[in-house]
């Protein structure tokens, strides 16, 4: 759908809290997946949980930073000509 000339593109404001909640729910889903993959490879419960803990702490931080960086970027955003 083409943009109308009287409409300007602008970013909506989304709170940092929303990004944090989104990252948290994704992290929980990924933790369950990592745990079951560890168990499928023969790790005992304690070792699988330790891998989940380390994996989630690092990936949570990197995901949040990555999300914020992309949100602050205009790369790939097509702005209409005035």
PDB file of N, CA and C in Angstrom:
ATOM      1  N   UNK A   1       0.840  -1.164   0.000  1.00  0.00           N
ATOM      2  CA  UNK A   1       0.000   0.000   0.000  1.00  0.00           C
ATOM      3  C   UNK A   1       0.892   1.237   0.000  1.00  0.00           C
ATOM      4  N   UNK A   2       0.764   2.083  -0.998  1.00  0.00           N
ATOM      5  CA  UNK A   2       1.619   3.281  -1.057  1.00  0.00           C
ATOM      6  C   UNK A   2       1.246   4.285   0.021  1.00  0.00           C
ATOM      7  N   UNK A   3       2.235   5.051   0.436  1.00  0.00           N
ATOM      8  CA  UNK A   3       2.000   6.088   1.435  1.00  0.00           C
ATOM      9  C   UNK A   3       1.333   7.294   0.790  1.00  0.00           C
ATOM     10  N   UNK A   4       0.393   7.859   1.488  1.00  0.00           N
ATOM     11  CA  UNK A   4      -0.216   9.097   1.002  1.00  0.00           C
ATOM     12  C   UNK A   4       0.737  10.238   1.298  1.00  0.00           C
ATOM     13  N   UNK A   5       0.733  11.247   0.461  1.00  0.00           N
ATOM     14  CA  UNK A   5       1.663  12.360   0.614  1.00  0.00           C
ATOM     15  C   UNK A   5       1.405  13.166   1.880  1.00  0.00           C
ATOM     16  N   UNK A   6       0.160  13.165   2.365  1.00  0.00           N
ATOM     17  CA  UNK A   6      -0.132  13.950   3.561  1.00  0.00           C
ATOM     18  C   UNK A   6       0.207  13.211   4.853  1.00  0.00           C
ATOM     19  N   UNK A   7       0.626  11.990   4.732  1.00  0.00           N
ATOM     20  CA  UNK A   7       1.000  11.192   5.908  1.00  0.00           C
ATOM     21  C   UNK A   7       2.510  11.188   6.045  1.00  0.00           C
ATOM     22  N   UNK A   8       3.005  11.463   7.224  1.00  0.00           N
ATOM     23  CA  UNK A   8       4.436  11.400   7.482  1.00  0.00           C
ATOM     24  C   UNK A   8       4.730  10.139   8.277  1.00  0.00           C
ATOM     25  N   UNK A   9       5.833   9.498   7.944  1.00  0.00           N
ATOM     26  CA  UNK A   9       6.259   8.333   8.715  1.00  0.00           C
ATOM     27  C   UNK A   9       6.938   8.807   9.981  1.00  0.00           C
ATOM     28  N   UNK A  10       6.599   8.210  11.067  1.00  0.00           N
ATOM     29  CA  UNK A  10       7.291   8.517  12.312  1.00  0.00           C
ATOM     30  C   UNK A  10       7.314   7.262  13.162  1.00  0.00           C
ATOM     31  N   UNK A  11       8.316   7.192  14.003  1.00  0.00           N
ATOM     32  CA  UNK A  11       8.408   6.058  14.914  1.00  0.00           C
ATOM     33  C   UNK A  11       7.394   6.221  16.030  1.00  0.00           C
ATOM     34  N   UNK A  12       6.816   5.115  16.418  1.00  0.00           N
ATOM     35  CA  UNK A  12       5.970   5.150  17.595  1.00  0.00           C
ATOM     36  C   UNK A  12       6.872   5.045  18.807  1.00  0.00           C
ATOM     37  N   UNK A  13       6.408   5.532  19.920  1.00  0.00           N
ATOM     38  CA  UNK A  13       7.194   5.402  21.148  1.00  0.00           C
ATOM     39  C   UNK A  13       6.812   4.106  21.832  1.00  0.00           C
ATOM     40  N   UNK A  14       7.818   3.329  22.125  1.00  0.00           N
ATOM     41  CA  UNK A  14       7.621   2.074  22.845  1.00  0.00           C
ATOM     42  C   UNK A  14       8.537   2.118  24.052  1.00  0.00           C
ATOM     43  N   UNK A  15       7.981   1.794  25.195  1.00  0.00           N
ATOM     44  CA  UNK A  15       8.748   1.898  26.429  1.00  0.00           C
ATOM     45  C   UNK A  15       9.852   0.844  26.498  1.00  0.00           C
ATOM     46  N   UNK A  16      10.886   1.183  27.243  1.00  0.00           N
ATOM     47  CA  UNK A  16      11.964   0.220  27.480  1.00  0.00           C
ATOM     48  C   UNK A  16      11.425  -0.973  28.259  1.00  0.00           C
ATOM     49  N   UNK A  17      10.411  -0.728  29.073  1.00  0.00           N
ATOM     50  CA  UNK A  17       9.802  -1.821  29.856  1.00  0.00           C
ATOM     51  C   UNK A  17       9.210  -2.882  28.920  1.00  0.00           C
ATOM     52  N   UNK A  18       8.576  -2.449  27.827  1.00  0.00           N
ATOM     53  CA  UNK A  18       8.019  -3.403  26.869  1.00  0.00           C
ATOM     54  C   UNK A  18       9.124  -4.282  26.294  1.00  0.00           C
ATOM     55  N   UNK A  19      10.247  -3.666  25.931  1.00  0.00           N
ATOM     56  CA  UNK A  19      11.378  -4.438  25.418  1.00  0.00           C
ATOM     57  C   UNK A  19      11.873  -5.433  26.469  1.00  0.00           C
ATOM     58  N   UNK A  20      11.905  -5.001  27.709  1.00  0.00           N
ATOM     59  CA  UNK A  20      12.368  -5.867  28.796  1.00  0.00           C
ATOM     60  C   UNK A  20      11.428  -7.056  29.005  1.00  0.00           C
ATOM     61  N   UNK A  21      10.119  -6.815  28.991  1.00  0.00           N
ATOM     62  CA  UNK A  21       9.140  -7.901  29.157  1.00  0.00           C
ATOM     63  C   UNK A  21       9.207  -8.859  27.969  1.00  0.00           C
ATOM     64  N   UNK A  22       9.328  -8.324  26.773  1.00  0.00           N
ATOM     65  CA  UNK A  22       9.441  -9.156  25.578  1.00  0.00           C
ATOM     66  C   UNK A  22      10.681 -10.045  25.667  1.00  0.00           C
ATOM     67  N   UNK A  23      11.795  -9.477  26.075  1.00  0.00           N
ATOM     68  CA  UNK A  23      13.030 -10.242  26.218  1.00  0.00           C
ATOM     69  C   UNK A  23      12.887 -11.320  27.292  1.00  0.00           C
ATOM     70  N   UNK A  24      12.172 -11.006  28.363  1.00  0.00           N
ATOM     71  CA  UNK A  24      11.989 -11.966  29.458  1.00  0.00           C
ATOM     72  C   UNK A  24      11.152 -13.165  29.023  1.00  0.00           C
ATOM     73  N   UNK A  25      10.035 -12.919  28.351  1.00  0.00           N
ATOM     74  CA  UNK A  25       9.187 -14.038  27.924  1.00  0.00           C
ATOM     75  C   UNK A  25       9.895 -14.910  26.896  1.00  0.00           C
ATOM     76  N   UNK A  26      10.651 -14.280  25.995  1.00  0.00           N
ATOM     77  CA  UNK A  26      11.417 -15.064  25.027  1.00  0.00           C
ATOM     78  C   UNK A  26      12.483 -15.886  25.744  1.00  0.00           C
ATOM     79  N   UNK A  27      13.114 -15.301  26.736  1.00  0.00           N
ATOM     80  CA  UNK A  27      14.151 -15.991  27.485  1.00  0.00           C
ATOM     81  C   UNK A  27      13.611 -17.225  28.203  1.00  0.00           C
ATOM     82  N   UNK A  28      12.418 -17.120  28.763  1.00  0.00           N
ATOM     83  CA  UNK A  28      11.808 -18.270  29.442  1.00  0.00           C
ATOM     84  C   UNK A  28      11.537 -19.414  28.465  1.00  0.00           C
ATOM     85  N   UNK A  29      11.005 -19.085  27.306  1.00  0.00           N
ATOM     86  CA  UNK A  29      10.760 -20.106  26.293  1.00  0.00           C
ATOM     87  C   UNK A  29      12.064 -20.758  25.841  1.00  0.00           C
ATOM     88  N   UNK A  30      13.071 -19.953  25.619  1.00  0.00           N
ATOM     89  CA  UNK A  30      14.367 -20.475  25.185  1.00  0.00           C
ATOM     90  C   UNK A  30      15.019 -21.326  26.274  1.00  0.00           C
ATOM     91  N   UNK A  31      14.814 -20.974  27.541  1.00  0.00           N
ATOM     92  CA  UNK A  31      15.384 -21.744  28.650  1.00  0.00           C
ATOM     93  C   UNK A  31      14.836 -23.164  28.682  1.00  0.00           C
ATOM     94  N   UNK A  32      13.552 -23.280  28.495  1.00  0.00           N
ATOM     95  CA  UNK A  32      12.927 -24.609  28.476  1.00  0.00           C
ATOM     96  C   UNK A  32      13.490 -25.431  27.323  1.00  0.00           C
ATOM     97  N   UNK A  33      13.639 -24.808  26.170  1.00  0.00           N
ATOM     98  CA  UNK A  33      14.198 -25.503  25.006  1.00  0.00           C
ATOM     99  C   UNK A  33      15.626 -25.960  25.272  1.00  0.00           C
ATOM    100  N   UNK A  34      16.455 -25.076  25.810  1.00  0.00           N
ATOM    101  CA  UNK A  34      17.848 -25.413  26.100  1.00  0.00           C
ATOM    102  C   UNK A  34      17.937 -26.557  27.107  1.00  0.00           C
ATOM    103  N   UNK A  35      17.095 -26.527  28.126  1.00  0.00           N
ATOM    104  CA  UNK A  35      17.091 -27.592  29.130  1.00  0.00           C
ATOM    105  C   UNK A  35      16.811 -28.952  28.486  1.00  0.00           C
ATOM    106  N   UNK A  36      15.775 -29.009  27.651  1.00  0.00           N
ATOM    107  CA  UNK A  36      15.419 -30.299  27.049  1.00  0.00           C
ATOM    108  C   UNK A  36      16.446 -30.761  26.024  1.00  0.00           C
ATOM    109  N   UNK A  37      17.097 -29.841  25.357  1.00  0.00           N
ATOM    110  CA  UNK A  37      18.185 -30.232  24.450  1.00  0.00           C
ATOM    111  C   UNK A  37      19.341 -30.822  25.262  1.00  0.00           C
ATOM    112  N   UNK A  38      19.686 -30.189  26.372  1.00  0.00           N
ATOM    113  CA  UNK A  38      20.734 -30.724  27.246  1.00  0.00           C
ATOM    114  C   UNK A  38      20.400 -32.113  27.754  1.00  0.00           C
ATOM    115  N   UNK A  39      19.156 -32.298  28.165  1.00  0.00           N
ATOM    116  CA  UNK A  39      18.733 -33.619  28.644  1.00  0.00           C
ATOM    117  C   UNK A  39      18.766 -34.644  27.510  1.00  0.00           C
ATOM    118  N   UNK A  40      18.375 -34.235  26.295  1.00  0.00           N
ATOM    119  CA  UNK A  40      18.380 -35.145  25.150  1.00  0.00           C
ATOM    120  C   UNK A  40      19.797 -35.598  24.802  1.00  0.00           C
ATOM    121  N   UNK A  41      20.793 -34.756  25.118  1.00  0.00           N
ATOM    122  CA  UNK A  41      22.189 -35.120  24.883  1.00  0.00           C
ATOM    123  C   UNK A  41      22.803 -35.850  26.066  1.00  0.00           C
ATOM    124  N   UNK A  42      21.981 -36.233  27.015  1.00  0.00           N
ATOM    125  CA  UNK A  42      22.453 -37.076  28.100  1.00  0.00           C
ATOM    126  C   UNK A  42      22.954 -36.370  29.341  1.00  0.00           C
ATOM    127  N   UNK A  43      22.790 -35.078  29.441  1.00  0.00           N
ATOM    128  CA  UNK A  43      23.222 -34.369  30.647  1.00  0.00           C
ATOM    129  C   UNK A  43      22.252 -34.650  31.787  1.00  0.00           C
ATOM    130  N   UNK A  44      22.808 -34.729  32.997  1.00  0.00           N
ATOM    131  CA  UNK A  44      21.913 -34.863  34.139  1.00  0.00           C
ATOM    132  C   UNK A  44      21.229 -33.518  34.383  1.00  0.00           C
ATOM    133  N   UNK A  45      20.215 -33.522  35.216  1.00  0.00           N
ATOM    134  CA  UNK A  45      19.402 -32.329  35.442  1.00  0.00           C
ATOM    135  C   UNK A  45      20.223 -31.147  35.930  1.00  0.00           C
ATOM    136  N   UNK A  46      21.156 -31.374  36.870  1.00  0.00           N
ATOM    137  CA  UNK A  46      21.964 -30.276  37.404  1.00  0.00           C
ATOM    138  C   UNK A  46      22.825 -29.608  36.326  1.00  0.00           C
ATOM    139  N   UNK A  47      23.453 -30.415  35.488  1.00  0.00           N
ATOM    140  CA  UNK A  47      24.298 -29.854  34.425  1.00  0.00           C
ATOM    141  C   UNK A  47      23.451 -29.129  33.374  1.00  0.00           C
ATOM    142  N   UNK A  48      22.302 -29.697  33.039  1.00  0.00           N
ATOM    143  CA  UNK A  48      21.414 -29.043  32.068  1.00  0.00           C
ATOM    144  C   UNK A  48      20.933 -27.699  32.616  1.00  0.00           C
ATOM    145  N   UNK A  49      20.623 -27.634  33.891  1.00  0.00           N
ATOM    146  CA  UNK A  49      20.185 -26.374  34.504  1.00  0.00           C
ATOM    147  C   UNK A  49      21.318 -25.351  34.557  1.00  0.00           C
ATOM    148  N   UNK A  50      22.544 -25.802  34.798  1.00  0.00           N
ATOM    149  CA  UNK A  50      23.690 -24.894  34.825  1.00  0.00           C
ATOM    150  C   UNK A  50      23.914 -24.284  33.442  1.00  0.00           C
ATOM    151  N   UNK A  51      23.803 -25.104  32.395  1.00  0.00           N
ATOM    152  CA  UNK A  51      23.942 -24.592  31.031  1.00  0.00           C
ATOM    153  C   UNK A  51      22.836 -23.592  30.728  1.00  0.00           C
ATOM    154  N   UNK A  52      21.619 -23.898  31.159  1.00  0.00           N
ATOM    155  CA  UNK A  52      20.498 -22.973  30.955  1.00  0.00           C
ATOM    156  C   UNK A  52      20.791 -21.640  31.636  1.00  0.00           C
ATOM    157  N   UNK A  53      21.274 -21.675  32.850  1.00  0.00           N
ATOM    158  CA  UNK A  53      21.541 -20.454  33.608  1.00  0.00           C
ATOM    159  C   UNK A  53      22.592 -19.566  32.904  1.00  0.00           C
ATOM    160  N   UNK A  54      23.695 -20.165  32.546  1.00  0.00           N
ATOM    161  CA  UNK A  54      24.767 -19.409  31.874  1.00  0.00           C
ATOM    162  C   UNK A  54      24.292 -18.894  30.513  1.00  0.00           C
ATOM    163  N   UNK A  55      23.661 -19.769  29.759  1.00  0.00           N
ATOM    164  CA  UNK A  55      23.164 -19.421  28.428  1.00  0.00           C
ATOM    165  C   UNK A  55      22.174 -18.266  28.494  1.00  0.00           C
ATOM    166  N   UNK A  56      21.249 -18.322  29.398  1.00  0.00           N
ATOM    167  CA  UNK A  56      20.206 -17.301  29.486  1.00  0.00           C
ATOM    168  C   UNK A  56      20.739 -15.959  29.957  1.00  0.00           C
ATOM    169  N   UNK A  57      21.637 -15.967  30.895  1.00  0.00           N
ATOM    170  CA  UNK A  57      22.180 -14.694  31.380  1.00  0.00           C
ATOM    171  C   UNK A  57      22.889 -13.952  30.248  1.00  0.00           C
ATOM    172  N   UNK A  58      23.704 -14.665  29.496  1.00  0.00           N
ATOM    173  CA  UNK A  58      24.433 -14.031  28.398  1.00  0.00           C
ATOM    174  C   UNK A  58      23.513 -13.628  27.256  1.00  0.00           C
ATOM    175  N   UNK A  59      22.641 -14.534  26.855  1.00  0.00           N
ATOM    176  CA  UNK A  59      21.778 -14.240  25.719  1.00  0.00           C
ATOM    177  C   UNK A  59      20.726 -13.189  26.043  1.00  0.00           C
ATOM    178  N   UNK A  60      20.281 -13.135  27.285  1.00  0.00           N
ATOM    179  CA  UNK A  60      19.324 -12.103  27.679  1.00  0.00           C
ATOM    180  C   UNK A  60      19.949 -10.725  27.509  1.00  0.00           C
ATOM    181  N   UNK A  61      21.142 -10.569  27.982  1.00  0.00           N
ATOM    182  CA  UNK A  61      21.846  -9.298  27.857  1.00  0.00           C
ATOM    183  C   UNK A  61      22.047  -8.928  26.387  1.00  0.00           C
ATOM    184  N   UNK A  62      22.542  -9.861  25.584  1.00  0.00           N
ATOM    185  CA  UNK A  62      22.802  -9.580  24.183  1.00  0.00           C
ATOM    186  C   UNK A  62      21.517  -9.312  23.406  1.00  0.00           C
ATOM    187  N   UNK A  63      20.452 -10.042  23.720  1.00  0.00           N
ATOM    188  CA  UNK A  63      19.173  -9.813  23.036  1.00  0.00           C
ATOM    189  C   UNK A  63      18.648  -8.414  23.340  1.00  0.00           C
ATOM    190  N   UNK A  64      18.670  -8.024  24.593  1.00  0.00           N
ATOM    191  CA  UNK A  64      18.164  -6.706  24.987  1.00  0.00           C
ATOM    192  C   UNK A  64      18.952  -5.593  24.298  1.00  0.00           C
ATOM    193  N   UNK A  65      20.272  -5.697  24.312  1.00  0.00           N
ATOM    194  CA  UNK A  65      21.110  -4.687  23.664  1.00  0.00           C
ATOM    195  C   UNK A  65      20.871  -4.648  22.150  1.00  0.00           C
ATOM    196  N   UNK A  66      20.725  -5.807  21.555  1.00  0.00           N
ATOM    197  CA  UNK A  66      20.454  -5.903  20.124  1.00  0.00           C
ATOM    198  C   UNK A  66      19.106  -5.270  19.786  1.00  0.00           C
ATOM    199  N   UNK A  67      18.086  -5.557  20.563  1.00  0.00           N
ATOM    200  CA  UNK A  67      16.747  -4.996  20.361  1.00  0.00           C
ATOM    201  C   UNK A  67      16.768  -3.476  20.468  1.00  0.00           C
ATOM    202  N   UNK A  68      17.444  -2.951  21.478  1.00  0.00           N
ATOM    203  CA  UNK A  68      17.518  -1.497  21.659  1.00  0.00           C
ATOM    204  C   UNK A  68      18.295  -0.835  20.515  1.00  0.00           C
ATOM    205  N   UNK A  69      19.360  -1.473  20.064  1.00  0.00           N
ATOM    206  CA  UNK A  69      20.144  -0.913  18.968  1.00  0.00           C
ATOM    207  C   UNK A  69      19.310  -0.835  17.688  1.00  0.00           C
ATOM    208  N   UNK A  70      18.587  -1.893  17.363  1.00  0.00           N
ATOM    209  CA  UNK A  70      17.762  -1.875  16.167  1.00  0.00           C
ATOM    210  C   UNK A  70      16.627  -0.874  16.298  1.00  0.00           C
ATOM    211  N   UNK A  71      16.055  -0.753  17.472  1.00  0.00           N
ATOM    212  CA  UNK A  71      14.948   0.175  17.663  1.00  0.00           C
ATOM    213  C   UNK A  71      15.404   1.619  17.483  1.00  0.00           C
ATOM    214  N   UNK A  72      16.615   1.908  17.873  1.00  0.00           N
ATOM    215  CA  UNK A  72      17.107   3.280  17.749  1.00  0.00           C
ATOM    216  C   UNK A  72      17.636   3.591  16.347  1.00  0.00           C
ATOM    217  N   UNK A  73      17.744   2.580  15.519  1.00  0.00           N
ATOM    218  CA  UNK A  73      18.270   2.748  14.171  1.00  0.00           C
ATOM    219  C   UNK A  73      17.149   3.056  13.179  1.00  0.00           C
ATOM    220  N   UNK A  74      17.474   3.834  12.179  1.00  0.00           N
ATOM    221  CA  UNK A  74      16.553   4.087  11.086  1.00  0.00           C
ATOM    222  C   UNK A  74      16.942   3.290   9.853  1.00  0.00           C
ATOM    223  N   UNK A  75      17.909   2.397   9.983  1.00  0.00           N
ATOM    224  CA  UNK A  75      18.373   1.614   8.857  1.00  0.00           C
ATOM    225  C   UNK A  75      17.221   0.821   8.248  1.00  0.00           C
ATOM    226  N   UNK A  76      17.033   0.950   6.953  1.00  0.00           N
ATOM    227  CA  UNK A  76      15.984   0.221   6.251  1.00  0.00           C
ATOM    228  C   UNK A  76      14.621   0.859   6.302  1.00  0.00           C
ATOM    229  N   UNK A  77      14.492   1.986   7.007  1.00  0.00           N
ATOM    230  CA  UNK A  77      13.228   2.700   7.078  1.00  0.00           C
ATOM    231  C   UNK A  77      13.156   3.628   5.870  1.00  0.00           C
ATOM    232  N   UNK A  78      12.118   3.472   5.111  1.00  0.00           N
ATOM    233  CA  UNK A  78      11.954   4.299   3.912  1.00  0.00           C
ATOM    234  C   UNK A  78      11.101   5.507   4.270  1.00  0.00           C
ATOM    235  N   UNK A  79      11.677   6.664   4.104  1.00  0.00           N
ATOM    236  CA  UNK A  79      10.982   7.901   4.422  1.00  0.00           C
ATOM    237  C   UNK A  79      10.443   8.507   3.132  1.00  0.00           C
ATOM    238  N   UNK A  80       9.207   8.986   3.172  1.00  0.00           N
ATOM    239  CA  UNK A  80       8.660   9.602   1.956  1.00  0.00           C
ATOM    240  C   UNK A  80       9.356  10.915   1.637  1.00  0.00           C
ATOM    241  N   UNK A  81       9.443  11.238   0.371  1.00  0.00           N
ATOM    242  CA  UNK A  81      10.042  12.506  -0.039  1.00  0.00           C
ATOM    243  C   UNK A  81       9.042  13.620   0.238  1.00  0.00           C
ATOM    244  N   UNK A  82       9.534  14.733   0.743  1.00  0.00           N
ATOM    245  CA  UNK A  82       8.645  15.868   1.044  1.00  0.00           C
ATOM    246  C   UNK A  82       8.203  16.577  -0.203  1.00  0.00           C
TER     247      UNK A  82
END
